[in-house]
Each structure stands twice: as structure tokens, then as C-alpha cells.
Amino acid sequence: MWYLCVFFHRLLDYRRAEVEALAELFGAFDDGVGDDHHQLQWKLPERHHPDSPFHLVNLPSEDAARNIANRSLLVKGIYELWGEGDNYEELEKAVTSYPDERKLPYLATETTFRIVVDSFGKIINFEEQNKRIQSLKFIPFKGRVNLKNPEQKFWLMETDDYGSKNGLPPVVQKRIFFGREVGAADRKLLPTYQLKSRNYLGPTAMDAEMAFLMANQALATKGKLVYDPFVGTGSILVAAAHFGAMTMGADIDIRVVRDGRGPDCNYGLPMPISLLRADNNLPSWRQGLKEIFDAIICDPPYGVRAGGRKSGGRKLLKGAVDPYTVPDDKRTGHIPSTAPYSLAECVHDLLELAARMLVMNGPYTDDIAELAMKMHLEFKENHLKWLEDGNLHSAVFSPTSSVNGASGDSNFNRDSKPKYRGKYV
């Protein structure tokens, strides 16, 4: 069944990806919905920009839609769409023609309901909201109004021409949607886990929203084991532990491992199985150990707020001194020397770690393994060239067109740029 999925207008590249991951988590593809590669079917409403918050998605059941919406961070709500139109006359015709067997159970006398008027890109004052609600008299509501805790919540949503140069996707024509709320995101957990509520923070602590978004895309849930090889103060493990996953982390900096303490620091979540002082460049796993983790989630050091470090020290790496073992009487409180850890090495080591330690037939499927191997080989062959060219970041993480697309006439007119710049604003 097709549902209206309304997103928060933020982190645009992650919106559909999060829903796809949660659909996998809640078994939406078990009923044959989507294609062979476990991707949902999506459509845009008529004349809507791809960055619009309004999308139509095909889901197998209302339970699946509710579960996805309730756990998502970027889905404002998923709605059973009763009608849409360019004006209220078209909306009335659409809602009236919607099958009664789908509408009447939610309009019965024993139900309580509430109507919410919402808009995108503009503000509708209280008086105008009441006028719009009164215009819905053609819908035979028989239940009682309950504004605090209704059994059914109906949404009247508008998008209109709000002008240009405001950073929002362009609107070709006014569009009005009316539907019944199936599920909505609970973003109350973000203030609970916000960074300022923590006792210990590092310079690269992950924002709570991004950490929970990454945990959703990694399908973190009860019974799963999640590993962060650059754990720092544990922000990602906090998100994974909140969803019930078992956690494990490692970091080369003993201070953050010792003092950050991960999920147990403030929130009473289960402690990680282990927090290791370990170097991702020198894996500490025993020989032959593989397929341990259900997900590896991390924010690797890419040199913006903090550069990567690996074991060794400059003298050791240059061969000025021989490898040595720290004496037993000096191990307590000892902080080993480290050397710079390049992005190329970091990505290479992460790919090696994932290929060896991720559980197959979980989120890490044969298709993903094959694709990862192709990307791994490409990276292995080209990363030195990318380093020399100075385009390592764009070559690895961005389409090649974005690197080469900057060429051309440098004296272009400033007004020739599109007014909407979307996620790049």
C-alpha cells in the first residue's frame, strides 16, 4: 500500500536511506515489497522537487509503516493518504472518493480524534487553521474531539509558493494533502542524549542525531553486536545501546577509553562488552577469528577536527630505533608513542576489518560483499594516485562528476546559479 511519508527538512541524503534500513529491520521485504536488491518503491507527489519533504512510499502493512516511523529520526510522519489536490475543491473530491471501508472505522462514534494543520515553508496562524478545519465538514466525523491524547490524528498539510532565495526546494504549485497518521518520529530522545548532558566529551564527540541515524542504518537492535573501532567517548555506542544492541569499542587514545566509558557514562545503559585500547592499523584479533560483528559503525579520523594516529612513533617508523617491549614496571600509565595515520590507510584498514569481521547473511549480504570487494580493489589500485593528486577525499567519497564538473568557464554570471541550493546551503 502507498503511504505519504513526510520528512524533516534536514540531512537530505540520509532520509530515504534510513527508511530503507528500517524497512529491512522490521521485515518489510519479507512480503515481496520492493525489488530484488531490497529497495522500497518511491514516488514523488505531482510537480514536487526531489528535495521536497513529501514522498510516497510503498509498504507492505500499516504495522511496518508505524514501526518505521516511530523509530526513525528523519521521518516526521507516515500517513494513510485520503486525498490530495491543488485546491480545497480538488481535495474534497479526492477524500470523498476514497473508499468508505478505509475511512469509516476511524470516524466512528466510539473514537476520539484531532485534526492538525501543518505547512511547509510558511506559517499558518491560528485563525486560518480554524478556517481550514471548518472546511473539512464534508468528512463525516462522528467521534469526540480530544486534543491531548486522541486515538486518531488527522493531518491537513499544505505546501505553497513561499518565494525564492530561502534555501527551500522550489514549489511549482500549491498542493494540499489530507491523511490519517499511522506513525510519527519520537525525537524526544535527542534532548535526552544531547552532548551537553554528558560528563565527559572529546574534541570529536558525535552529535546525538547523527549517532542515532547511523545506528538505525546499521540495524542496531537486541541481540546484535555493534563495534566501533574509533570509539572515542562512545557516542555511537550510546545510540546502539539505546536500541538494545550489545556494544564493543576500541580507540588508540587510552584516556578517552578510560574516562569516556561509553553507554554507561550518564544514561544507565548496559556497559559495552569491552572497551579496548587498540590500534585499527594493527588488529589485535587472534588468527582465524572472523564474522563476529553484526555491524561496524564509526566516525573515522579524517583530519578536520583531529587527525588519525597509529602506533609506532616517528623514530620507529623511520628505523632510527628497533621495536621494543615496555618493561612490566613501566606499563602502568604508559601511553605508547604514535605517528600520523593517513586517510588512505584508515579506509583500507576499515575495509579489511569489515571483510573479515562482519557476519554474513545479516545486513552484510553477499551482494554487499561483492560490491565492497570491487570498491576495495579500486581503492587499493588508485589511492596512491589520489593522494598524489590531492583529491583523495573527493575521489573516494564523491562521484567523479563532482570532481571534474568544476571545470568550465570560470567567469560565469553569479545570477546563473540556481536559486535553490538544497543541502549545500
Protein backbone atom coordinates (compact mmCIF):
# COMPACT_ATOMS: atom_id res chain seq x y z
CA MET A 1 0.00 0.00 0.00
CA TRP A 2 1.20 3.50 -0.81
CA TYR A 3 1.70 5.87 2.13
CA LEU A 4 2.61 9.54 2.34
CA CYS A 5 5.99 9.87 4.05
CA VAL A 6 6.79 13.38 5.28
CA PHE A 7 10.40 14.05 6.27
CA PHE A 8 12.03 16.70 8.38
CA HIS A 9 13.88 19.03 6.02
CA ARG A 10 17.40 18.14 7.15
CA LEU A 11 20.15 15.64 6.27
CA LEU A 12 18.54 15.14 2.88
CA ASP A 13 20.92 12.45 1.64
CA TYR A 14 20.08 10.20 4.58
CA ARG A 15 16.28 10.38 4.57
CA ARG A 16 15.35 7.57 2.19
CA ALA A 17 18.38 5.52 3.24
CA GLU A 18 17.19 5.48 6.86
CA VAL A 19 13.69 4.34 5.84
CA GLU A 20 15.17 1.62 3.61
CA ALA A 21 17.29 0.34 6.52
CA LEU A 22 14.37 0.34 8.96
CA ALA A 23 12.20 -1.45 6.39
CA GLU A 24 14.86 -4.17 6.34
CA LEU A 25 14.96 -4.23 10.14
CA PHE A 26 11.18 -4.65 10.50
CA GLY A 27 10.83 -7.26 7.76
CA ALA A 28 9.11 -5.12 5.14
CA PHE A 29 10.84 -7.02 2.34
CA ASP A 30 9.68 -10.42 3.59
CA ASP A 31 6.29 -9.82 1.93
CA GLY A 32 7.72 -9.19 -1.51
CA VAL A 33 7.61 -5.39 -1.33
CA GLY A 34 10.48 -3.68 -3.14
CA ASP A 35 12.87 -5.03 -5.73
CA ASP A 36 15.41 -7.85 -5.67
CA HIS A 37 18.01 -5.58 -4.06
CA HIS A 38 15.75 -4.82 -1.09
CA GLN A 39 14.89 -1.29 -2.09
CA LEU A 40 11.48 0.24 -1.49
CA GLN A 41 9.36 1.74 -4.23
CA TRP A 42 9.24 5.54 -4.03
CA LYS A 43 7.29 8.21 -5.89
CA LEU A 44 7.21 11.99 -5.68
CA PRO A 45 3.86 13.79 -5.50
CA GLU A 46 2.90 15.62 -8.66
CA ARG A 47 5.23 18.54 -9.53
CA HIS A 48 7.37 18.13 -6.41
CA HIS A 49 11.13 18.74 -6.27
CA PRO A 50 13.27 15.68 -5.31
CA ASP A 51 14.35 17.50 -2.13
CA SER A 52 10.74 18.06 -1.10
CA PRO A 53 9.85 16.59 2.32
CA PHE A 54 6.79 14.91 0.78
CA HIS A 55 7.36 11.43 -0.68
CA LEU A 56 5.14 8.44 -1.44
CA VAL A 57 6.44 5.02 -0.36
CA ASN A 58 5.04 1.54 -0.87
CA LEU A 59 4.99 -0.51 2.36
CA PRO A 60 3.50 -3.96 2.98
CA SER A 61 1.39 -3.13 6.02
CA GLU A 62 0.34 -0.46 8.45
CA ASP A 63 2.35 -2.14 11.20
CA ALA A 64 5.52 -1.86 9.13
CA ALA A 65 4.80 1.80 8.39
CA ARG A 66 4.16 2.51 12.08
CA ASN A 67 7.32 0.74 13.25
CA ILE A 68 9.47 2.59 10.70
CA ALA A 69 8.01 5.99 11.55
CA ASN A 70 8.18 5.52 15.32
CA ARG A 71 11.87 4.60 15.29
CA SER A 72 13.04 6.97 12.56
CA LEU A 73 14.84 10.23 13.29
CA LEU A 74 14.15 11.94 9.96
CA VAL A 75 10.55 10.86 9.28
CA LYS A 76 8.15 13.45 10.63
CA GLY A 77 5.25 11.12 9.99
CA ILE A 78 3.83 8.40 7.75
CA TYR A 79 0.21 8.85 6.76
CA GLU A 80 -2.56 6.94 5.04
CA LEU A 81 -3.28 9.46 2.31
CA TRP A 82 -7.03 10.02 1.91
CA GLY A 83 -6.75 12.71 -0.73
CA GLU A 84 -4.70 15.49 -2.30
CA GLY A 85 -5.30 18.37 -4.65
CA ASP A 86 -4.18 21.77 -5.89
CA ASN A 87 -7.10 23.41 -4.04
CA TYR A 88 -9.75 22.52 -1.49
CA GLU A 89 -12.33 21.65 -4.16
CA GLU A 90 -9.99 19.02 -5.59
CA LEU A 91 -9.15 17.82 -2.08
CA GLU A 92 -12.86 17.37 -1.26
CA LYS A 93 -13.42 15.29 -4.41
CA ALA A 94 -10.39 13.13 -3.65
CA VAL A 95 -11.33 12.49 0.00
CA THR A 96 -14.98 11.82 -0.89
CA SER A 97 -13.97 9.24 -3.49
CA TYR A 98 -11.61 7.44 -1.08
CA PRO A 99 -13.15 4.03 -0.19
CA ASP A 100 -15.59 4.19 2.75
CA GLU A 101 -14.34 0.87 4.11
CA ARG A 102 -10.97 2.54 4.64
CA LYS A 103 -12.38 5.73 6.21
CA LEU A 104 -15.44 4.87 8.31
CA PRO A 105 -13.73 2.71 11.01
CA TYR A 106 -11.70 5.77 12.02
CA LEU A 107 -14.70 8.13 12.00
CA ALA A 108 -17.00 6.07 14.26
CA THR A 109 -18.73 7.48 17.34
CA GLU A 110 -16.60 5.50 19.82
CA THR A 111 -13.35 7.04 18.59
CA THR A 112 -11.60 10.23 19.62
CA PHE A 113 -9.74 12.35 17.11
CA ARG A 114 -7.79 15.51 16.46
CA ILE A 115 -7.08 17.47 13.27
CA VAL A 116 -3.66 19.07 12.89
CA VAL A 117 -3.00 21.77 10.29
CA ASP A 118 0.59 21.90 9.11
CA SER A 119 2.52 23.61 6.32
CA PHE A 120 5.95 23.58 4.72
CA GLY A 121 7.81 26.81 4.10
CA LYS A 122 5.24 29.15 5.66
CA ILE A 123 3.32 29.75 8.89
CA ILE A 124 -0.46 29.45 9.14
CA ASN A 125 -1.87 31.47 12.03
CA PHE A 126 -4.42 30.06 14.48
CA GLU A 127 -7.39 31.77 12.84
CA GLU A 128 -6.51 30.42 9.41
CA GLN A 129 -6.01 26.96 10.86
CA ASN A 130 -9.54 27.00 12.28
CA LYS A 131 -10.93 28.07 8.90
CA ARG A 132 -9.21 25.17 7.21
CA ILE A 133 -10.51 22.72 9.81
CA GLN A 134 -14.07 24.06 9.32
CA SER A 135 -13.71 23.48 5.57
CA LEU A 136 -13.48 19.73 6.26
CA LYS A 137 -17.18 19.46 7.19
CA PHE A 138 -17.69 17.14 4.23
CA ILE A 139 -15.85 14.41 6.21
CA PRO A 140 -18.40 12.64 8.50
CA PHE A 141 -16.55 12.81 11.80
CA LYS A 142 -18.75 11.22 14.49
CA GLY A 143 -16.29 10.74 17.32
CA ARG A 144 -15.29 13.12 20.09
CA VAL A 145 -12.51 15.68 19.82
CA ASN A 146 -9.55 15.01 22.10
CA LEU A 147 -6.66 17.42 21.69
CA LYS A 148 -4.33 15.84 24.25
CA ASN A 149 -4.50 12.09 23.64
CA PRO A 150 -6.62 11.24 20.59
CA GLU A 151 -6.98 7.73 19.26
CA GLN A 152 -6.82 9.03 15.69
CA LYS A 153 -4.85 12.01 14.46
CA PHE A 154 -5.62 13.52 11.06
CA TRP A 155 -3.29 15.90 9.25
CA LEU A 156 -4.08 18.65 6.77
CA MET A 157 -0.80 19.67 5.15
CA GLU A 158 -0.13 22.46 2.68
CA THR A 159 2.84 23.43 0.58
CA ASP A 160 2.64 26.75 -1.25
CA ASP A 161 4.82 29.20 -3.14
CA TYR A 162 6.82 30.75 -0.31
CA GLY A 163 9.18 32.73 -2.53
CA SER A 164 12.73 32.04 -3.60
CA LYS A 165 16.19 32.58 -2.10
CA ASN A 166 15.22 30.99 1.20
CA GLY A 167 17.13 27.71 0.88
CA LEU A 168 13.98 25.58 0.45
CA PRO A 169 13.18 23.41 -2.58
CA PRO A 170 11.10 25.27 -5.19
CA VAL A 171 7.32 24.84 -5.29
CA VAL A 172 5.71 24.78 -8.74
CA GLN A 173 2.15 24.94 -7.49
CA LYS A 174 0.22 24.78 -4.24
CA ARG A 175 -0.55 21.25 -3.05
CA ILE A 176 -2.79 20.10 -0.20
CA PHE A 177 -2.69 16.68 1.48
CA PHE A 178 -5.12 15.11 3.96
CA GLY A 179 -4.50 11.82 5.70
CA ARG A 180 -4.56 9.75 8.86
CA GLU A 181 -1.38 9.50 10.89
CA VAL A 182 -0.02 5.96 11.02
CA GLY A 183 3.19 6.71 12.91
CA ALA A 184 5.47 9.61 13.82
CA ALA A 185 9.07 10.03 14.94
CA ASP A 186 9.86 10.37 18.61
CA ARG A 187 12.63 12.96 18.63
CA LYS A 188 12.36 13.42 22.40
CA LEU A 189 15.31 11.07 22.80
CA LEU A 190 17.62 13.67 21.22
CA PRO A 191 17.43 16.13 24.14
CA THR A 192 17.95 13.17 26.49
CA TYR A 193 21.20 12.21 24.80
CA GLN A 194 22.43 15.65 23.74
CA LEU A 195 26.14 16.22 24.12
CA LYS A 196 25.86 18.88 26.80
CA SER A 197 24.20 16.35 29.13
CA ARG A 198 27.36 14.21 29.25
CA ASN A 199 30.03 14.34 31.89
CA TYR A 200 32.92 13.69 29.53
CA LEU A 201 33.40 14.93 25.97
CA GLY A 202 36.21 14.63 23.46
CA PRO A 203 37.00 17.05 20.61
CA THR A 204 35.26 14.81 18.05
CA ALA A 205 32.21 13.60 20.01
CA MET A 206 29.46 12.59 17.58
CA ASP A 207 26.25 14.61 17.59
CA ALA A 208 23.37 12.58 19.07
CA GLU A 209 21.12 12.85 16.00
CA MET A 210 23.83 11.61 13.64
CA ALA A 211 24.79 8.80 16.02
CA PHE A 212 21.20 7.54 16.24
CA LEU A 213 20.82 7.86 12.48
CA MET A 214 23.93 5.71 11.96
CA ALA A 215 22.61 3.14 14.45
CA ASN A 216 19.35 2.95 12.52
CA GLN A 217 21.13 2.42 9.22
CA ALA A 218 23.23 -0.33 10.83
CA LEU A 219 20.03 -2.10 12.02
CA ALA A 220 21.06 -1.94 15.68
CA THR A 221 18.64 -3.95 17.79
CA LYS A 222 18.51 -6.53 20.60
CA GLY A 223 20.83 -9.47 20.07
CA LYS A 224 23.12 -7.64 17.63
CA LEU A 225 26.79 -6.90 18.37
CA VAL A 226 27.98 -3.46 17.24
CA TYR A 227 31.65 -2.47 17.11
CA ASP A 228 33.22 1.00 16.84
CA PRO A 229 36.98 0.88 16.09
CA PHE A 230 37.29 4.64 16.76
CA VAL A 231 35.05 4.72 19.82
CA GLY A 232 36.32 7.93 21.45
CA THR A 233 33.85 8.90 24.18
CA GLY A 234 31.28 6.39 22.94
CA SER A 235 28.60 8.49 21.25
CA ILE A 236 27.86 5.85 18.62
CA LEU A 237 27.78 3.07 21.20
CA VAL A 238 25.30 5.11 23.25
CA ALA A 239 22.90 5.13 20.29
CA ALA A 240 23.37 1.42 19.57
CA ALA A 241 22.90 0.51 23.25
CA HIS A 242 19.71 2.58 23.42
CA PHE A 243 18.22 0.29 20.76
CA GLY A 244 19.25 -2.79 22.75
CA ALA A 245 22.37 -3.83 20.87
CA MET A 246 25.44 -5.22 22.59
CA THR A 247 28.38 -2.91 22.05
CA MET A 248 32.14 -3.05 21.86
CA GLY A 249 34.66 -0.33 21.10
CA ALA A 250 38.34 0.43 20.68
CA ASP A 251 40.47 3.55 20.44
CA ILE A 252 44.18 4.27 20.29
CA ASP A 253 43.83 7.01 22.95
CA ILE A 254 43.74 5.30 26.35
CA ARG A 255 42.43 8.46 28.01
CA VAL A 256 39.10 8.55 26.23
CA VAL A 257 38.64 4.79 26.59
CA ARG A 258 39.32 5.02 30.32
CA ASP A 259 37.33 8.15 31.10
CA GLY A 260 34.55 8.19 28.49
CA ARG A 261 33.12 4.79 29.46
CA GLY A 262 30.68 4.77 26.54
CA PRO A 263 26.97 4.00 27.13
CA ASP A 264 27.24 3.74 30.91
CA CYS A 265 28.55 7.30 31.34
CA ASN A 266 25.23 9.07 32.09
CA TYR A 267 22.24 7.10 30.95
CA GLY A 268 22.20 3.78 32.80
CA LEU A 269 22.58 1.82 29.56
CA PRO A 270 24.39 -1.54 29.59
CA MET A 271 28.15 -1.28 29.62
CA PRO A 272 29.99 -2.37 26.48
CA ILE A 273 31.20 -5.96 26.37
CA SER A 274 34.67 -4.49 26.12
CA LEU A 275 36.43 -1.17 25.61
CA LEU A 276 39.91 -1.72 24.22
CA ARG A 277 42.99 0.42 23.83
CA ALA A 278 43.75 -0.84 20.34
CA ASP A 279 45.14 0.35 17.02
CA ASN A 280 42.98 -0.13 13.93
CA ASN A 281 46.20 -0.27 11.88
CA LEU A 282 47.49 -3.24 13.93
CA PRO A 283 44.49 -5.54 14.53
CA SER A 284 44.58 -7.33 17.84
CA TRP A 285 42.27 -10.19 16.81
CA ARG A 286 43.61 -13.72 17.06
CA GLN A 287 44.47 -15.57 13.88
CA GLY A 288 41.46 -17.16 12.15
CA LEU A 289 38.83 -15.14 14.06
CA LYS A 290 36.12 -13.83 11.70
CA GLU A 291 32.41 -12.98 11.34
CA ILE A 292 31.93 -11.62 14.85
CA PHE A 293 30.17 -8.26 14.46
CA ASP A 294 26.69 -7.62 13.09
CA ALA A 295 27.64 -4.02 12.35
CA ILE A 296 30.71 -1.81 12.41
CA ILE A 297 29.79 1.84 12.92
CA CYS A 298 32.41 4.53 13.24
CA ASP A 299 33.41 8.11 12.60
CA PRO A 300 36.97 7.63 11.35
CA PRO A 301 39.57 10.36 11.75
CA TYR A 302 39.69 12.33 8.52
CA GLY A 303 41.82 15.23 9.71
CA VAL A 304 39.33 18.09 10.16
CA ARG A 305 38.95 18.35 13.93
CA ALA A 306 41.51 15.69 14.75
CA GLY A 307 43.98 13.73 12.66
CA GLY A 308 44.33 9.98 12.72
CA ARG A 309 47.07 8.30 14.77
CA LYS A 310 48.60 4.84 14.64
CA SER A 311 51.17 3.03 16.75
CA GLY A 312 54.86 3.44 16.05
CA GLY A 313 56.28 6.88 16.60
CA ARG A 314 58.45 8.73 14.11
CA LYS A 315 61.77 7.16 15.17
CA LEU A 316 60.39 3.63 15.00
CA LEU A 317 58.77 4.16 11.60
CA LYS A 318 61.98 5.70 10.21
CA GLY A 319 64.04 2.80 11.55
CA ALA A 320 66.02 5.00 13.92
CA VAL A 321 65.18 2.66 16.82
CA ASP A 322 64.35 -1.05 16.90
CA PRO A 323 60.97 -2.41 18.05
CA TYR A 324 60.89 -2.75 21.81
CA THR A 325 58.74 -4.13 24.64
CA VAL A 326 57.69 -1.87 27.50
CA PRO A 327 59.05 -3.23 30.81
CA ASP A 328 56.46 -4.53 33.27
CA ASP A 329 57.33 -1.94 35.90
CA LYS A 330 56.57 0.91 33.45
CA ARG A 331 53.36 -0.36 31.85
CA THR A 332 51.03 1.26 34.38
CA GLY A 333 50.04 4.64 32.99
CA HIS A 334 52.25 4.18 29.94
CA ILE A 335 50.98 5.94 26.79
CA PRO A 336 52.64 4.48 23.68
CA SER A 337 54.07 6.80 21.07
CA THR A 338 52.05 7.27 17.88
CA ALA A 339 52.52 8.53 14.34
CA PRO A 340 50.17 10.13 11.76
CA TYR A 341 47.57 7.79 10.26
CA SER A 342 46.58 8.80 6.72
CA LEU A 343 43.04 8.64 5.40
CA ALA A 344 44.14 6.15 2.73
CA GLU A 345 45.47 3.72 5.34
CA CYS A 346 42.43 4.24 7.53
CA VAL A 347 39.91 3.42 4.78
CA HIS A 348 41.98 0.45 3.64
CA ASP A 349 42.13 -0.97 7.19
CA LEU A 350 38.40 -0.44 7.70
CA LEU A 351 37.60 -2.34 4.52
CA GLU A 352 39.88 -5.17 5.65
CA LEU A 353 38.21 -5.20 9.07
CA ALA A 354 34.71 -5.27 7.56
CA ALA A 355 35.55 -8.05 5.09
CA ARG A 356 36.89 -10.24 7.88
CA MET A 357 34.76 -9.47 10.92
CA LEU A 358 31.22 -8.72 9.70
CA VAL A 359 28.67 -11.51 9.93
CA MET A 360 27.49 -12.69 6.53
CA ASN A 361 23.77 -13.02 5.72
CA GLY A 362 22.97 -10.22 8.14
CA PRO A 363 23.00 -6.61 6.97
CA TYR A 364 26.27 -7.66 5.30
CA THR A 365 24.88 -9.78 2.44
CA ASP A 366 26.60 -11.48 -0.48
CA ASP A 367 25.59 -8.59 -2.79
CA ILE A 368 27.12 -6.05 -0.43
CA ALA A 369 30.23 -8.22 -0.06
CA GLU A 370 30.69 -8.35 -3.83
CA LEU A 371 30.21 -4.59 -4.18
CA ALA A 372 32.57 -3.91 -1.27
CA MET A 373 35.23 -6.11 -2.85
CA LYS A 374 35.04 -4.17 -6.13
CA MET A 375 35.33 -0.85 -4.29
CA HIS A 376 38.13 -2.22 -2.15
CA LEU A 377 40.16 -3.27 -5.19
CA GLU A 378 39.54 0.09 -6.88
CA PHE A 379 40.68 1.91 -3.76
CA LYS A 380 43.74 -0.31 -3.40
CA GLU A 381 44.76 0.36 -7.00
CA ASN A 382 44.14 4.10 -7.03
CA HIS A 383 44.61 5.52 -3.53
CA LEU A 384 48.28 6.43 -4.09
CA LYS A 385 47.37 8.32 -7.25
CA TRP A 386 44.55 10.10 -5.40
CA LEU A 387 46.98 11.05 -2.63
CA GLU A 388 49.43 12.50 -5.14
CA ASP A 389 46.68 14.43 -6.93
CA GLY A 390 45.38 15.79 -3.64
CA ASN A 391 41.85 14.56 -4.42
CA LEU A 392 41.65 11.62 -2.04
CA HIS A 393 38.54 12.78 -0.24
CA SER A 394 36.53 13.59 -3.36
CA ALA A 395 37.76 10.55 -5.27
CA VAL A 396 36.75 8.14 -2.51
CA PHE A 397 33.56 9.60 -1.16
CA SER A 398 32.09 11.66 -4.02
CA PRO A 399 31.09 10.91 -7.62
CA THR A 400 33.81 11.61 -10.15
CA SER A 401 31.50 14.08 -11.84
CA SER A 402 31.67 16.30 -8.77
CA VAL A 403 35.46 16.45 -9.11
CA ASN A 404 35.52 17.10 -12.84
CA GLY A 405 32.33 19.12 -13.01
CA ALA A 406 34.01 22.24 -11.70
CA SER A 407 35.84 22.76 -14.99
CA GLY A 408 34.48 25.23 -17.49
CA ASP A 409 34.06 28.95 -17.81
CA SER A 410 35.24 30.48 -14.55
CA ASN A 411 33.73 33.86 -15.45
CA PHE A 412 30.13 32.71 -15.22
CA ASN A 413 27.40 35.12 -14.15
CA ARG A 414 26.51 34.90 -10.47
CA ASP A 415 22.81 35.08 -11.32
CA SER A 416 23.10 31.95 -13.49
CA LYS A 417 23.31 29.79 -10.38
CA PRO A 418 20.05 28.07 -9.38
CA LYS A 419 18.38 29.89 -6.51
CA TYR A 420 17.77 26.67 -4.59
CA ARG A 421 20.97 25.02 -3.37
CA GLY A 422 19.28 22.48 -1.12
CA LYS A 423 21.54 20.52 1.18
CA TYR A 424 24.54 22.66 0.22
CA VAL A 425 23.10 25.81 1.82
